[in-house]
Amino acid sequence: MQFSKFNFKDQKVLVRVDFNVPIKGGKITDDSRIKKALPTINHILSCDPKQIIIISHLGRPKGKVNKKYSMKKPASRLSHLLKKRVYFEKNSNLRKCGSHQTELLETTSEEPCSESQLSSATSQD
């Protein structure tokens, strides 16, 4: 089935995007990666989903929480571009998500397992 024909009405939708955008001086210097995800996100929203949860990563925090790599700025920029409130969820655990229609989770690469799993997976090849 083609993506454009899928009906997301009343569904909980998880979307993985690439919002690894450059940030200098606390400001996003190039939001093109966020803009490239807009058609997908807008299509899902137009189908009236129960919830859309967006996940991404920013930088390489190596399994440690670092405000420098927070998805807070991309969430704010996405909200501005969508002209719709995007709730920023301070954790990246899907089980702890809120119930807002549109949420962007904290950077997924802050999970301690991310870097270690990647290292062990590549060393076994």
PDB file of N, CA and C in Angstrom:
ATOM      1  N   MET A   1       0.837  -1.179   0.000  1.00  0.00           N
ATOM      2  CA  MET A   1       0.000   0.000   0.000  1.00  0.00           C
ATOM      3  C   MET A   1       0.886   1.248   0.000  1.00  0.00           C
ATOM      4  N   GLN A   2       0.510   2.226  -0.783  1.00  0.00           N
ATOM      5  CA  GLN A   2       1.248   3.477  -0.833  1.00  0.00           C
ATOM      6  C   GLN A   2       0.988   4.288   0.430  1.00  0.00           C
ATOM      7  N   PHE A   3       2.031   4.960   0.889  1.00  0.00           N
ATOM      8  CA  PHE A   3       1.930   5.784   2.096  1.00  0.00           C
ATOM      9  C   PHE A   3       0.780   6.780   1.999  1.00  0.00           C
ATOM     10  N   SER A   4       0.646   7.427   0.859  1.00  0.00           N
ATOM     11  CA  SER A   4      -0.372   8.471   0.696  1.00  0.00           C
ATOM     12  C   SER A   4      -1.799   7.928   0.783  1.00  0.00           C
ATOM     13  N   LYS A   5      -1.963   6.627   0.648  1.00  0.00           N
ATOM     14  CA  LYS A   5      -3.299   6.030   0.708  1.00  0.00           C
ATOM     15  C   LYS A   5      -3.616   5.404   2.061  1.00  0.00           C
ATOM     16  N   PHE A   6      -2.638   5.389   2.935  1.00  0.00           N
ATOM     17  CA  PHE A   6      -2.859   4.785   4.246  1.00  0.00           C
ATOM     18  C   PHE A   6      -3.697   5.731   5.103  1.00  0.00           C
ATOM     19  N   ASN A   7      -4.655   5.183   5.812  1.00  0.00           N
ATOM     20  CA  ASN A   7      -5.535   5.984   6.651  1.00  0.00           C
ATOM     21  C   ASN A   7      -5.035   5.932   8.102  1.00  0.00           C
ATOM     22  N   PHE A   8      -4.619   7.059   8.619  1.00  0.00           N
ATOM     23  CA  PHE A   8      -4.104   7.144   9.976  1.00  0.00           C
ATOM     24  C   PHE A   8      -5.182   7.582  10.981  1.00  0.00           C
ATOM     25  N   LYS A   9      -6.412   7.678  10.544  1.00  0.00           N
ATOM     26  CA  LYS A   9      -7.496   8.160  11.413  1.00  0.00           C
ATOM     27  C   LYS A   9      -7.584   7.321  12.688  1.00  0.00           C
ATOM     28  N   ASP A  10      -7.588   8.036  13.816  1.00  0.00           N
ATOM     29  CA  ASP A  10      -7.710   7.432  15.143  1.00  0.00           C
ATOM     30  C   ASP A  10      -6.584   6.455  15.495  1.00  0.00           C
ATOM     31  N   GLN A  11      -5.479   6.524  14.781  1.00  0.00           N
ATOM     32  CA  GLN A  11      -4.336   5.653  15.042  1.00  0.00           C
ATOM     33  C   GLN A  11      -3.274   6.398  15.855  1.00  0.00           C
ATOM     34  N   LYS A  12      -2.483   5.653  16.587  1.00  0.00           N
ATOM     35  CA  LYS A  12      -1.302   6.193  17.258  1.00  0.00           C
ATOM     36  C   LYS A  12      -0.148   5.916  16.300  1.00  0.00           C
ATOM     37  N   VAL A  13       0.533   6.955  15.856  1.00  0.00           N
ATOM     38  CA  VAL A  13       1.541   6.828  14.800  1.00  0.00           C
ATOM     39  C   VAL A  13       2.917   7.218  15.332  1.00  0.00           C
ATOM     40  N   LEU A  14       3.892   6.361  15.109  1.00  0.00           N
ATOM     41  CA  LEU A  14       5.278   6.632  15.476  1.00  0.00           C
ATOM     42  C   LEU A  14       6.053   6.943  14.204  1.00  0.00           C
ATOM     43  N   VAL A  15       6.712   8.099  14.170  1.00  0.00           N
ATOM     44  CA  VAL A  15       7.447   8.527  12.988  1.00  0.00           C
ATOM     45  C   VAL A  15       8.902   8.814  13.366  1.00  0.00           C
ATOM     46  N   ARG A  16       9.819   8.195  12.647  1.00  0.00           N
ATOM     47  CA  ARG A  16      11.253   8.450  12.848  1.00  0.00           C
ATOM     48  C   ARG A  16      11.688   9.416  11.763  1.00  0.00           C
ATOM     49  N   VAL A  17      12.244  10.552  12.181  1.00  0.00           N
ATOM     50  CA  VAL A  17      12.688  11.584  11.244  1.00  0.00           C
ATOM     51  C   VAL A  17      14.152  11.925  11.507  1.00  0.00           C
ATOM     52  N   ASP A  18      14.736  12.649  10.580  1.00  0.00           N
ATOM     53  CA  ASP A  18      16.113  13.108  10.745  1.00  0.00           C
ATOM     54  C   ASP A  18      16.099  14.601  11.040  1.00  0.00           C
ATOM     55  N   PHE A  19      16.072  14.933  12.320  1.00  0.00           N
ATOM     56  CA  PHE A  19      16.126  16.337  12.743  1.00  0.00           C
ATOM     57  C   PHE A  19      17.501  16.669  13.325  1.00  0.00           C
ATOM     58  N   ASN A  20      18.531  16.005  12.849  1.00  0.00           N
ATOM     59  CA  ASN A  20      19.894  16.262  13.315  1.00  0.00           C
ATOM     60  C   ASN A  20      20.384  17.546  12.632  1.00  0.00           C
ATOM     61  N   VAL A  21      19.891  18.673  13.128  1.00  0.00           N
ATOM     62  CA  VAL A  21      20.139  19.977  12.512  1.00  0.00           C
ATOM     63  C   VAL A  21      21.279  20.707  13.223  1.00  0.00           C
ATOM     64  N   PRO A  22      22.000  21.544  12.496  1.00  0.00           N
ATOM     65  CA  PRO A  22      23.065  22.322  13.137  1.00  0.00           C
ATOM     66  C   PRO A  22      22.497  23.431  14.023  1.00  0.00           C
ATOM     67  N   ILE A  23      23.050  23.535  15.220  1.00  0.00           N
ATOM     68  CA  ILE A  23      22.647  24.582  16.159  1.00  0.00           C
ATOM     69  C   ILE A  23      23.902  25.320  16.614  1.00  0.00           C
ATOM     70  N   LYS A  24      23.895  26.627  16.437  1.00  0.00           N
ATOM     71  CA  LYS A  24      25.020  27.456  16.880  1.00  0.00           C
ATOM     72  C   LYS A  24      24.469  28.622  17.674  1.00  0.00           C
ATOM     73  N   GLY A  25      25.063  28.868  18.817  1.00  0.00           N
ATOM     74  CA  GLY A  25      24.611  29.969  19.661  1.00  0.00           C
ATOM     75  C   GLY A  25      23.161  29.801  20.099  1.00  0.00           C
ATOM     76  N   GLY A  26      22.721  28.560  20.239  1.00  0.00           N
ATOM     77  CA  GLY A  26      21.359  28.289  20.687  1.00  0.00           C
ATOM     78  C   GLY A  26      20.294  28.437  19.611  1.00  0.00           C
ATOM     79  N   LYS A  27      20.722  28.629  18.342  1.00  0.00           N
ATOM     80  CA  LYS A  27      19.763  28.793  17.248  1.00  0.00           C
ATOM     81  C   LYS A  27      20.038  27.787  16.138  1.00  0.00           C
ATOM     82  N   ILE A  28      18.965  27.276  15.553  1.00  0.00           N
ATOM     83  CA  ILE A  28      19.082  26.367  14.413  1.00  0.00           C
ATOM     84  C   ILE A  28      19.560  27.191  13.223  1.00  0.00           C
ATOM     85  N   THR A  29      20.668  26.764  12.612  1.00  0.00           N
ATOM     86  CA  THR A  29      21.222  27.523  11.489  1.00  0.00           C
ATOM     87  C   THR A  29      20.740  27.004  10.127  1.00  0.00           C
ATOM     88  N   ASP A  30      20.213  25.796  10.084  1.00  0.00           N
ATOM     89  CA  ASP A  30      19.693  25.231   8.837  1.00  0.00           C
ATOM     90  C   ASP A  30      18.568  24.265   9.193  1.00  0.00           C
ATOM     91  N   ASP A  31      17.343  24.624   8.865  1.00  0.00           N
ATOM     92  CA  ASP A  31      16.196  23.788   9.217  1.00  0.00           C
ATOM     93  C   ASP A  31      15.696  22.933   8.049  1.00  0.00           C
ATOM     94  N   SER A  32      16.522  22.740   7.036  1.00  0.00           N
ATOM     95  CA  SER A  32      16.071  22.002   5.850  1.00  0.00           C
ATOM     96  C   SER A  32      15.667  20.562   6.165  1.00  0.00           C
ATOM     97  N   ARG A  33      16.315  19.924   7.119  1.00  0.00           N
ATOM     98  CA  ARG A  33      15.931  18.546   7.473  1.00  0.00           C
ATOM     99  C   ARG A  33      14.533  18.515   8.097  1.00  0.00           C
ATOM    100  N   ILE A  34      14.211  19.525   8.870  1.00  0.00           N
ATOM    101  CA  ILE A  34      12.876  19.605   9.463  1.00  0.00           C
ATOM    102  C   ILE A  34      11.847  19.848   8.357  1.00  0.00           C
ATOM    103  N   LYS A  35      12.168  20.748   7.447  1.00  0.00           N
ATOM    104  CA  LYS A  35      11.253  21.064   6.342  1.00  0.00           C
ATOM    105  C   LYS A  35      11.004  19.850   5.449  1.00  0.00           C
ATOM    106  N   LYS A  36      12.013  18.997   5.270  1.00  0.00           N
ATOM    107  CA  LYS A  36      11.844  17.806   4.428  1.00  0.00           C
ATOM    108  C   LYS A  36      10.854  16.808   5.031  1.00  0.00           C
ATOM    109  N   ALA A  37      10.678  16.838   6.329  1.00  0.00           N
ATOM    110  CA  ALA A  37       9.742  15.918   7.000  1.00  0.00           C
ATOM    111  C   ALA A  37       8.310  16.451   7.011  1.00  0.00           C
ATOM    112  N   LEU A  38       8.115  17.715   6.687  1.00  0.00           N
ATOM    113  CA  LEU A  38       6.784  18.328   6.765  1.00  0.00           C
ATOM    114  C   LEU A  38       5.720  17.626   5.921  1.00  0.00           C
ATOM    115  N   PRO A  39       5.995  17.254   4.665  1.00  0.00           N
ATOM    116  CA  PRO A  39       4.933  16.583   3.895  1.00  0.00           C
ATOM    117  C   PRO A  39       4.443  15.296   4.564  1.00  0.00           C
ATOM    118  N   THR A  40       5.346  14.513   5.106  1.00  0.00           N
ATOM    119  CA  THR A  40       4.965  13.275   5.787  1.00  0.00           C
ATOM    120  C   THR A  40       4.134  13.573   7.025  1.00  0.00           C
ATOM    121  N   ILE A  41       4.626  14.481   7.859  1.00  0.00           N
ATOM    122  CA  ILE A  41       3.925  14.829   9.098  1.00  0.00           C
ATOM    123  C   ILE A  41       2.566  15.460   8.796  1.00  0.00           C
ATOM    124  N   ASN A  42       2.523  16.361   7.814  1.00  0.00           N
ATOM    125  CA  ASN A  42       1.253  16.998   7.451  1.00  0.00           C
ATOM    126  C   ASN A  42       0.240  15.989   6.915  1.00  0.00           C
ATOM    127  N   HIS A  43       0.709  15.017   6.132  1.00  0.00           N
ATOM    128  CA  HIS A  43      -0.206  13.997   5.622  1.00  0.00           C
ATOM    129  C   HIS A  43      -0.827  13.208   6.777  1.00  0.00           C
ATOM    130  N   ILE A  44       0.011  12.799   7.699  1.00  0.00           N
ATOM    131  CA  ILE A  44      -0.493  12.033   8.850  1.00  0.00           C
ATOM    132  C   ILE A  44      -1.487  12.878   9.647  1.00  0.00           C
ATOM    133  N   LEU A  45      -1.139  14.130   9.907  1.00  0.00           N
ATOM    134  CA  LEU A  45      -2.036  15.009  10.660  1.00  0.00           C
ATOM    135  C   LEU A  45      -3.360  15.251   9.933  1.00  0.00           C
ATOM    136  N   SER A  46      -3.317  15.301   8.618  1.00  0.00           N
ATOM    137  CA  SER A  46      -4.551  15.534   7.849  1.00  0.00           C
ATOM    138  C   SER A  46      -5.523  14.352   7.949  1.00  0.00           C
ATOM    139  N   CYS A  47      -5.015  13.200   8.359  1.00  0.00           N
ATOM    140  CA  CYS A  47      -5.856  12.002   8.514  1.00  0.00           C
ATOM    141  C   CYS A  47      -6.476  11.908   9.899  1.00  0.00           C
ATOM    142  N   ASP A  48      -6.244  12.907  10.741  1.00  0.00           N
ATOM    143  CA  ASP A  48      -6.803  12.961  12.090  1.00  0.00           C
ATOM    144  C   ASP A  48      -6.410  11.758  12.958  1.00  0.00           C
ATOM    145  N   PRO A  49      -5.095  11.597  13.182  1.00  0.00           N
ATOM    146  CA  PRO A  49      -4.655  10.488  14.028  1.00  0.00           C
ATOM    147  C   PRO A  49      -4.986  10.753  15.496  1.00  0.00           C
ATOM    148  N   LYS A  50      -5.033   9.706  16.267  1.00  0.00           N
ATOM    149  CA  LYS A  50      -5.217   9.859  17.712  1.00  0.00           C
ATOM    150  C   LYS A  50      -3.993  10.585  18.270  1.00  0.00           C
ATOM    151  N   GLN A  51      -2.797  10.184  17.806  1.00  0.00           N
ATOM    152  CA  GLN A  51      -1.551  10.792  18.282  1.00  0.00           C
ATOM    153  C   GLN A  51      -0.449  10.518  17.278  1.00  0.00           C
ATOM    154  N   ILE A  52       0.451  11.471  17.134  1.00  0.00           N
ATOM    155  CA  ILE A  52       1.655  11.262  16.346  1.00  0.00           C
ATOM    156  C   ILE A  52       2.842  11.523  17.266  1.00  0.00           C
ATOM    157  N   ILE A  53       3.691  10.517  17.384  1.00  0.00           N
ATOM    158  CA  ILE A  53       4.889  10.621  18.217  1.00  0.00           C
ATOM    159  C   ILE A  53       6.078  10.645  17.266  1.00  0.00           C
ATOM    160  N   ILE A  54       6.865  11.679  17.374  1.00  0.00           N
ATOM    161  CA  ILE A  54       7.997  11.872  16.476  1.00  0.00           C
ATOM    162  C   ILE A  54       9.279  11.625  17.255  1.00  0.00           C
ATOM    163  N   ILE A  55      10.157  10.800  16.676  1.00  0.00           N
ATOM    164  CA  ILE A  55      11.445  10.540  17.311  1.00  0.00           C
ATOM    165  C   ILE A  55      12.565  10.895  16.348  1.00  0.00           C
ATOM    166  N   SER A  56      13.678  11.321  16.916  1.00  0.00           N
ATOM    167  CA  SER A  56      14.854  11.682  16.144  1.00  0.00           C
ATOM    168  C   SER A  56      16.053  11.672  17.082  1.00  0.00           C
ATOM    169  N   HIS A  57      17.149  12.195  16.612  1.00  0.00           N
ATOM    170  CA  HIS A  57      18.312  12.382  17.475  1.00  0.00           C
ATOM    171  C   HIS A  57      19.004  13.664  17.047  1.00  0.00           C
ATOM    172  N   LEU A  58      19.859  14.130  17.916  1.00  0.00           N
ATOM    173  CA  LEU A  58      20.619  15.338  17.625  1.00  0.00           C
ATOM    174  C   LEU A  58      22.026  15.118  18.149  1.00  0.00           C
ATOM    175  N   GLY A  59      22.997  15.190  17.268  1.00  0.00           N
ATOM    176  CA  GLY A  59      24.385  15.014  17.678  1.00  0.00           C
ATOM    177  C   GLY A  59      24.699  13.602  18.126  1.00  0.00           C
ATOM    178  N   ARG A  60      25.785  13.491  18.905  1.00  0.00           N
ATOM    179  CA  ARG A  60      26.238  12.198  19.419  1.00  0.00           C
ATOM    180  C   ARG A  60      26.524  12.316  20.913  1.00  0.00           C
ATOM    181  N   PRO A  61      25.486  12.232  21.736  1.00  0.00           N
ATOM    182  CA  PRO A  61      25.687  12.408  23.178  1.00  0.00           C
ATOM    183  C   PRO A  61      26.344  11.220  23.879  1.00  0.00           C
ATOM    184  N   LYS A  62      26.600  10.135  23.178  1.00  0.00           N
ATOM    185  CA  LYS A  62      27.282   8.953  23.728  1.00  0.00           C
ATOM    186  C   LYS A  62      26.616   8.413  24.983  1.00  0.00           C
ATOM    187  N   GLY A  63      25.286   8.341  24.949  1.00  0.00           N
ATOM    188  CA  GLY A  63      24.548   7.737  26.048  1.00  0.00           C
ATOM    189  C   GLY A  63      24.414   8.584  27.294  1.00  0.00           C
ATOM    190  N   LYS A  64      24.827   9.839  27.225  1.00  0.00           N
ATOM    191  CA  LYS A  64      24.732  10.728  28.384  1.00  0.00           C
ATOM    192  C   LYS A  64      23.817  11.895  28.055  1.00  0.00           C
ATOM    193  N   VAL A  65      23.058  12.328  29.049  1.00  0.00           N
ATOM    194  CA  VAL A  65      22.187  13.485  28.856  1.00  0.00           C
ATOM    195  C   VAL A  65      23.051  14.737  28.733  1.00  0.00           C
ATOM    196  N   ASN A  66      22.833  15.492  27.674  1.00  0.00           N
ATOM    197  CA  ASN A  66      23.589  16.703  27.420  1.00  0.00           C
ATOM    198  C   ASN A  66      22.626  17.712  26.783  1.00  0.00           C
ATOM    199  N   LYS A  67      22.378  18.818  27.470  1.00  0.00           N
ATOM    200  CA  LYS A  67      21.431  19.822  26.971  1.00  0.00           C
ATOM    201  C   LYS A  67      21.788  20.302  25.568  1.00  0.00           C
ATOM    202  N   LYS A  68      23.045  20.238  25.225  1.00  0.00           N
ATOM    203  CA  LYS A  68      23.515  20.657  23.905  1.00  0.00           C
ATOM    204  C   LYS A  68      22.816  19.864  22.794  1.00  0.00           C
ATOM    205  N   TYR A  69      22.437  18.619  23.094  1.00  0.00           N
ATOM    206  CA  TYR A  69      21.825  17.743  22.094  1.00  0.00           C
ATOM    207  C   TYR A  69      20.324  17.579  22.285  1.00  0.00           C
ATOM    208  N   SER A  70      19.696  18.463  23.022  1.00  0.00           N
ATOM    209  CA  SER A  70      18.257  18.371  23.277  1.00  0.00           C
ATOM    210  C   SER A  70      17.448  18.643  22.005  1.00  0.00           C
ATOM    211  N   MET A  71      16.323  17.973  21.877  1.00  0.00           N
ATOM    212  CA  MET A  71      15.417  18.170  20.742  1.00  0.00           C
ATOM    213  C   MET A  71      14.449  19.331  20.976  1.00  0.00           C
ATOM    214  N   LYS A  72      14.659  20.079  22.049  1.00  0.00           N
ATOM    215  CA  LYS A  72      13.758  21.192  22.378  1.00  0.00           C
ATOM    216  C   LYS A  72      13.713  22.241  21.259  1.00  0.00           C
ATOM    217  N   LYS A  73      14.844  22.627  20.732  1.00  0.00           N
ATOM    218  CA  LYS A  73      14.884  23.631  19.647  1.00  0.00           C
ATOM    219  C   LYS A  73      14.210  23.105  18.378  1.00  0.00           C
ATOM    220  N   PRO A  74      14.541  21.872  17.931  1.00  0.00           N
ATOM    221  CA  PRO A  74      13.829  21.340  16.761  1.00  0.00           C
ATOM    222  C   PRO A  74      12.316  21.225  16.992  1.00  0.00           C
ATOM    223  N   ALA A  75      11.886  20.899  18.210  1.00  0.00           N
ATOM    224  CA  ALA A  75      10.449  20.815  18.507  1.00  0.00           C
ATOM    225  C   ALA A  75       9.792  22.181  18.333  1.00  0.00           C
ATOM    226  N   SER A  76      10.458  23.203  18.822  1.00  0.00           N
ATOM    227  CA  SER A  76       9.939  24.556  18.700  1.00  0.00           C
ATOM    228  C   SER A  76       9.862  24.982  17.228  1.00  0.00           C
ATOM    229  N   ARG A  77      10.909  24.664  16.480  1.00  0.00           N
ATOM    230  CA  ARG A  77      10.930  25.023  15.050  1.00  0.00           C
ATOM    231  C   ARG A  77       9.844  24.264  14.284  1.00  0.00           C
ATOM    232  N   LEU A  78       9.669  22.976  14.598  1.00  0.00           N
ATOM    233  CA  LEU A  78       8.632  22.182  13.948  1.00  0.00           C
ATOM    234  C   LEU A  78       7.255  22.765  14.249  1.00  0.00           C
ATOM    235  N   SER A  79       7.032  23.152  15.473  1.00  0.00           N
ATOM    236  CA  SER A  79       5.767  23.758  15.876  1.00  0.00           C
ATOM    237  C   SER A  79       5.489  25.018  15.053  1.00  0.00           C
ATOM    238  N   HIS A  80       6.518  25.838  14.882  1.00  0.00           N
ATOM    239  CA  HIS A  80       6.399  27.073  14.102  1.00  0.00           C
ATOM    240  C   HIS A  80       6.053  26.751  12.637  1.00  0.00           C
ATOM    241  N   LEU A  81       6.755  25.778  12.056  1.00  0.00           N
ATOM    242  CA  LEU A  81       6.544  25.431  10.645  1.00  0.00           C
ATOM    243  C   LEU A  81       5.180  24.783  10.406  1.00  0.00           C
ATOM    244  N   LEU A  82       4.719  23.983  11.355  1.00  0.00           N
ATOM    245  CA  LEU A  82       3.416  23.326  11.220  1.00  0.00           C
ATOM    246  C   LEU A  82       2.251  24.257  11.562  1.00  0.00           C
ATOM    247  N   LYS A  83       2.589  25.364  12.255  1.00  0.00           N
ATOM    248  CA  LYS A  83       1.559  26.271  12.784  1.00  0.00           C
ATOM    249  C   LYS A  83       0.612  25.480  13.680  1.00  0.00           C
ATOM    250  N   LYS A  84       1.211  24.618  14.486  1.00  0.00           N
ATOM    251  CA  LYS A  84       0.470  23.727  15.376  1.00  0.00           C
ATOM    252  C   LYS A  84       1.355  23.411  16.567  1.00  0.00           C
ATOM    253  N   ARG A  85       0.764  23.297  17.727  1.00  0.00           N
ATOM    254  CA  ARG A  85       1.531  22.994  18.937  1.00  0.00           C
ATOM    255  C   ARG A  85       2.143  21.595  18.849  1.00  0.00           C
ATOM    256  N   VAL A  86       3.449  21.539  19.012  1.00  0.00           N
ATOM    257  CA  VAL A  86       4.167  20.273  19.111  1.00  0.00           C
ATOM    258  C   VAL A  86       4.695  20.209  20.536  1.00  0.00           C
ATOM    259  N   TYR A  87       4.230  19.240  21.287  1.00  0.00           N
ATOM    260  CA  TYR A  87       4.654  19.092  22.675  1.00  0.00           C
ATOM    261  C   TYR A  87       6.003  18.400  22.721  1.00  0.00           C
ATOM    262  N   PHE A  88       6.923  18.996  23.467  1.00  0.00           N
ATOM    263  CA  PHE A  88       8.248  18.416  23.640  1.00  0.00           C
ATOM    264  C   PHE A  88       8.220  17.511  24.863  1.00  0.00           C
ATOM    265  N   GLU A  89       8.518  16.251  24.660  1.00  0.00           N
ATOM    266  CA  GLU A  89       8.538  15.266  25.745  1.00  0.00           C
ATOM    267  C   GLU A  89       9.986  15.102  26.187  1.00  0.00           C
ATOM    268  N   LYS A  90      10.276  15.404  27.449  1.00  0.00           N
ATOM    269  CA  LYS A  90      11.654  15.438  27.956  1.00  0.00           C
ATOM    270  C   LYS A  90      12.326  14.076  28.069  1.00  0.00           C
ATOM    271  N   ASN A  91      11.623  13.020  27.776  1.00  0.00           N
ATOM    272  CA  ASN A  91      12.268  11.707  27.812  1.00  0.00           C
ATOM    273  C   ASN A  91      12.101  11.059  26.443  1.00  0.00           C
ATOM    274  N   SER A  92      12.822   9.981  26.231  1.00  0.00           N
ATOM    275  CA  SER A  92      12.704   9.289  24.942  1.00  0.00           C
ATOM    276  C   SER A  92      12.106   7.901  25.121  1.00  0.00           C
ATOM    277  N   ASN A  93      11.447   7.685  26.247  1.00  0.00           N
ATOM    278  CA  ASN A  93      10.829   6.404  26.530  1.00  0.00           C
ATOM    279  C   ASN A  93       9.380   6.443  26.054  1.00  0.00           C
ATOM    280  N   LEU A  94       9.047   5.616  25.079  1.00  0.00           N
ATOM    281  CA  LEU A  94       7.691   5.618  24.531  1.00  0.00           C
ATOM    282  C   LEU A  94       6.635   5.301  25.577  1.00  0.00           C
ATOM    283  N   ARG A  95       7.006   4.526  26.580  1.00  0.00           N
ATOM    284  CA  ARG A  95       6.038   4.167  27.620  1.00  0.00           C
ATOM    285  C   ARG A  95       5.676   5.357  28.505  1.00  0.00           C
ATOM    286  N   LYS A  96       6.504   6.394  28.479  1.00  0.00           N
ATOM    287  CA  LYS A  96       6.252   7.558  29.319  1.00  0.00           C
ATOM    288  C   LYS A  96       5.698   8.742  28.529  1.00  0.00           C
ATOM    289  N   CYS A  97       5.276   8.510  27.296  1.00  0.00           N
ATOM    290  CA  CYS A  97       4.729   9.580  26.464  1.00  0.00           C
ATOM    291  C   CYS A  97       3.463  10.148  27.066  1.00  0.00           C
ATOM    292  N   GLY A  98       3.229  11.401  26.752  1.00  0.00           N
ATOM    293  CA  GLY A  98       1.988  12.027  27.167  1.00  0.00           C
ATOM    294  C   GLY A  98       0.861  11.623  26.233  1.00  0.00           C
ATOM    295  N   SER A  99      -0.211  12.355  26.283  1.00  0.00           N
ATOM    296  CA  SER A  99      -1.366  12.025  25.444  1.00  0.00           C
ATOM    297  C   SER A  99      -1.700  13.150  24.466  1.00  0.00           C
ATOM    298  N   HIS A 100      -0.750  14.034  24.222  1.00  0.00           N
ATOM    299  CA  HIS A 100      -0.977  15.143  23.291  1.00  0.00           C
ATOM    300  C   HIS A 100      -1.001  14.615  21.862  1.00  0.00           C
ATOM    301  N   GLN A 101      -1.721  15.303  20.979  1.00  0.00           N
ATOM    302  CA  GLN A 101      -1.832  14.789  19.621  1.00  0.00           C
ATOM    303  C   GLN A 101      -0.476  14.749  18.911  1.00  0.00           C
ATOM    304  N   THR A 102       0.353  15.760  19.098  1.00  0.00           N
ATOM    305  CA  THR A 102       1.640  15.803  18.407  1.00  0.00           C
ATOM    306  C   THR A 102       2.749  15.992  19.425  1.00  0.00           C
ATOM    307  N   GLU A 103       3.660  15.013  19.504  1.00  0.00           N
ATOM    308  CA  GLU A 103       4.760  15.063  20.455  1.00  0.00           C
ATOM    309  C   GLU A 103       6.074  14.758  19.750  1.00  0.00           C
ATOM    310  N   LEU A 104       7.122  15.442  20.181  1.00  0.00           N
ATOM    311  CA  LEU A 104       8.479  15.137  19.744  1.00  0.00           C
ATOM    312  C   LEU A 104       9.241  14.728  20.997  1.00  0.00           C
ATOM    313  N   LEU A 105       9.797  13.512  20.967  1.00  0.00           N
ATOM    314  CA  LEU A 105      10.519  13.003  22.127  1.00  0.00           C
ATOM    315  C   LEU A 105      11.944  13.547  22.173  1.00  0.00           C
ATOM    316  N   GLU A 106      12.516  13.530  23.371  1.00  0.00           N
ATOM    317  CA  GLU A 106      13.914  13.911  23.546  1.00  0.00           C
ATOM    318  C   GLU A 106      14.773  13.019  22.658  1.00  0.00           C
ATOM    319  N   THR A 107      15.956  13.472  22.354  1.00  0.00           N
ATOM    320  CA  THR A 107      16.839  12.766  21.423  1.00  0.00           C
ATOM    321  C   THR A 107      16.991  11.291  21.797  1.00  0.00           C
ATOM    322  N   THR A 108      16.769  10.420  20.843  1.00  0.00           N
ATOM    323  CA  THR A 108      16.802   8.979  21.111  1.00  0.00           C
ATOM    324  C   THR A 108      18.212   8.467  21.362  1.00  0.00           C
ATOM    325  N   SER A 109      19.229   9.181  20.924  1.00  0.00           N
ATOM    326  CA  SER A 109      20.599   8.691  21.132  1.00  0.00           C
ATOM    327  C   SER A 109      21.119   8.980  22.530  1.00  0.00           C
ATOM    328  N   GLU A 110      20.272   9.570  23.412  1.00  0.00           N
ATOM    329  CA  GLU A 110      20.680   9.748  24.801  1.00  0.00           C
ATOM    330  C   GLU A 110      20.444   8.491  25.618  1.00  0.00           C
ATOM    331  N   GLU A 111      19.733   7.538  25.054  1.00  0.00           N
ATOM    332  CA  GLU A 111      19.513   6.287  25.769  1.00  0.00           C
ATOM    333  C   GLU A 111      20.856   5.583  25.900  1.00  0.00           C
ATOM    334  N   PRO A 112      21.247   5.155  27.098  1.00  0.00           N
ATOM    335  CA  PRO A 112      22.544   4.524  27.295  1.00  0.00           C
ATOM    336  C   PRO A 112      22.792   3.336  26.381  1.00  0.00           C
ATOM    337  N   CYS A 113      21.756   2.638  25.968  1.00  0.00           N
ATOM    338  CA  CYS A 113      21.955   1.462  25.128  1.00  0.00           C
ATOM    339  C   CYS A 113      22.312   1.817  23.691  1.00  0.00           C
ATOM    340  N   SER A 114      21.983   3.007  23.234  1.00  0.00           N
ATOM    341  CA  SER A 114      22.175   3.349  21.830  1.00  0.00           C
ATOM    342  C   SER A 114      23.611   3.157  21.365  1.00  0.00           C
ATOM    343  N   GLU A 115      24.551   3.821  22.006  1.00  0.00           N
ATOM    344  CA  GLU A 115      25.950   3.732  21.590  1.00  0.00           C
ATOM    345  C   GLU A 115      26.532   2.343  21.864  1.00  0.00           C
ATOM    346  N   SER A 116      26.217   1.763  23.029  1.00  0.00           N
ATOM    347  CA  SER A 116      26.784   0.468  23.362  1.00  0.00           C
ATOM    348  C   SER A 116      26.243  -0.625  22.454  1.00  0.00           C
ATOM    349  N   GLN A 117      24.956  -0.570  22.116  1.00  0.00           N
ATOM    350  CA  GLN A 117      24.394  -1.564  21.200  1.00  0.00           C
ATOM    351  C   GLN A 117      24.995  -1.418  19.836  1.00  0.00           C
ATOM    352  N   LEU A 118      25.194  -0.185  19.385  1.00  0.00           N
ATOM    353  CA  LEU A 118      25.807   0.048  18.099  1.00  0.00           C
ATOM    354  C   LEU A 118      27.213  -0.520  18.077  1.00  0.00           C
ATOM    355  N   SER A 119      27.995  -0.266  19.135  1.00  0.00           N
ATOM    356  CA  SER A 119      29.365  -0.761  19.205  1.00  0.00           C
ATOM    357  C   SER A 119      29.412  -2.279  19.180  1.00  0.00           C
ATOM    358  N   SER A 120      28.561  -2.927  19.966  1.00  0.00           N
ATOM    359  CA  SER A 120      28.586  -4.389  20.022  1.00  0.00           C
ATOM    360  C   SER A 120      28.077  -4.991  18.722  1.00  0.00           C
ATOM    361  N   ALA A 121      27.115  -4.342  18.085  1.00  0.00           N
ATOM    362  CA  ALA A 121      26.583  -4.870  16.831  1.00  0.00           C
ATOM    363  C   ALA A 121      27.610  -4.793  15.722  1.00  0.00           C
ATOM    364  N   THR A 122      28.387  -3.701  15.677  1.00  0.00           N
ATOM    365  CA  THR A 122      29.375  -3.555  14.609  1.00  0.00           C
ATOM    366  C   THR A 122      30.620  -4.396  14.875  1.00  0.00           C
ATOM    367  N   SER A 123      30.931  -4.657  16.145  1.00  0.00           N
ATOM    368  CA  SER A 123      32.135  -5.450  16.451  1.00  0.00           C
ATOM    369  C   SER A 123      31.907  -6.949  16.187  1.00  0.00           C
ATOM    370  N   GLN A 124      30.637  -7.362  16.111  1.00  0.00           N
ATOM    371  CA  GLN A 124      30.343  -8.774  15.862  1.00  0.00           C
ATOM    372  C   GLN A 124      30.338  -9.104  14.386  1.00  0.00           C
ATOM    373  N   ASP A 125      30.350  -8.122  13.525  1.00  0.00           N
ATOM    374  CA  ASP A 125      30.329  -8.363  12.073  1.00  0.00           C
ATOM    375  C   ASP A 125      31.674  -8.805  11.549  1.00  0.00           C
TER     376      ASP A 125
END
